[in-house]
Amino acid sequence: MQEYIDNGVQLGWLIHPKKRQVEIYRQGQANEVLDSPANLSGEGVLPG
């Protein structure tokens, strides 16, 4: 995922279905890990 961020991607989700976790990658920020999220926000990058 870091390679995508390094090449200009603004927002990335790495989904681990078996763990029920999502890693969120954003430009210029530390990665965030969510456990069993009910939904994900596109944060303006992906409207709706």
C-alpha atoms as a PDB file:
ATOM      1  CA  MET A   1       0.000   0.000   0.000  1.00  0.00           C
ATOM      2  CA  GLN A   2       2.864   2.356   0.700  1.00  0.00           C
ATOM      3  CA  GLU A   3       3.910   2.133  -2.952  1.00  0.00           C
ATOM      4  CA  TYR A   4       0.446   3.334  -4.005  1.00  0.00           C
ATOM      5  CA  ILE A   5       0.602   6.239  -1.550  1.00  0.00           C
ATOM      6  CA  ASP A   6       4.113   7.117  -2.752  1.00  0.00           C
ATOM      7  CA  ASN A   7       2.724   7.291  -6.303  1.00  0.00           C
ATOM      8  CA  GLY A   8      -0.086   9.722  -5.515  1.00  0.00           C
ATOM      9  CA  VAL A   9      -3.019   7.689  -4.221  1.00  0.00           C
ATOM     10  CA  GLN A  10      -4.833   9.815  -1.630  1.00  0.00           C
ATOM     11  CA  LEU A  11      -6.715   7.066   0.191  1.00  0.00           C
ATOM     12  CA  GLY A  12      -6.292   3.298   0.329  1.00  0.00           C
ATOM     13  CA  TRP A  13      -8.043   0.501   2.197  1.00  0.00           C
ATOM     14  CA  LEU A  14      -6.386  -2.835   2.826  1.00  0.00           C
ATOM     15  CA  ILE A  15      -9.185  -5.201   3.844  1.00  0.00           C
ATOM     16  CA  HIS A  16      -8.517  -8.356   5.885  1.00  0.00           C
ATOM     17  CA  PRO A  17     -11.824 -10.304   5.728  1.00  0.00           C
ATOM     18  CA  LYS A  18     -10.785 -13.161   8.027  1.00  0.00           C
ATOM     19  CA  LYS A  19      -9.542 -10.771  10.732  1.00  0.00           C
ATOM     20  CA  ARG A  20     -12.468  -8.399  10.091  1.00  0.00           C
ATOM     21  CA  GLN A  21      -9.985  -5.521   9.958  1.00  0.00           C
ATOM     22  CA  VAL A  22      -9.341  -2.629   7.612  1.00  0.00           C
ATOM     23  CA  GLU A  23      -6.067  -0.737   7.340  1.00  0.00           C
ATOM     24  CA  ILE A  24      -6.554   2.820   6.110  1.00  0.00           C
ATOM     25  CA  TYR A  25      -3.710   4.560   4.285  1.00  0.00           C
ATOM     26  CA  ARG A  26      -3.717   8.331   3.674  1.00  0.00           C
ATOM     27  CA  GLN A  27      -1.222  10.779   2.209  1.00  0.00           C
ATOM     28  CA  GLY A  28       1.060  12.210   4.903  1.00  0.00           C
ATOM     29  CA  GLN A  29      -0.551  10.360   7.819  1.00  0.00           C
ATOM     30  CA  ALA A  30       0.121   7.267   9.882  1.00  0.00           C
ATOM     31  CA  ASN A  31      -1.831   4.127   8.960  1.00  0.00           C
ATOM     32  CA  GLU A  32      -5.031   3.500  10.898  1.00  0.00           C
ATOM     33  CA  VAL A  33      -6.456   0.054  11.719  1.00  0.00           C
ATOM     34  CA  LEU A  34     -10.184  -0.467  12.294  1.00  0.00           C
ATOM     35  CA  ASP A  35     -11.600  -3.625  13.847  1.00  0.00           C
ATOM     36  CA  SER A  36     -14.962  -4.789  12.445  1.00  0.00           C
ATOM     37  CA  PRO A  37     -16.011  -1.435  10.970  1.00  0.00           C
ATOM     38  CA  ALA A  38     -19.701  -1.156  10.043  1.00  0.00           C
ATOM     39  CA  ASN A  39     -18.825   1.176   7.145  1.00  0.00           C
ATOM     40  CA  LEU A  40     -15.978   3.146   5.593  1.00  0.00           C
ATOM     41  CA  SER A  41     -15.861   6.775   4.539  1.00  0.00           C
ATOM     42  CA  GLY A  42     -14.462   7.901   1.212  1.00  0.00           C
ATOM     43  CA  GLU A  43     -13.387  11.105   2.990  1.00  0.00           C
ATOM     44  CA  GLY A  44     -14.154  13.315   0.007  1.00  0.00           C
ATOM     45  CA  VAL A  45     -11.950  11.245  -2.296  1.00  0.00           C
ATOM     46  CA  LEU A  46     -14.821   8.849  -3.056  1.00  0.00           C
ATOM     47  CA  PRO A  47     -18.083  10.759  -2.651  1.00  0.00           C
ATOM     48  CA  GLY A  48     -20.984   8.748  -1.243  1.00  0.00           C
END
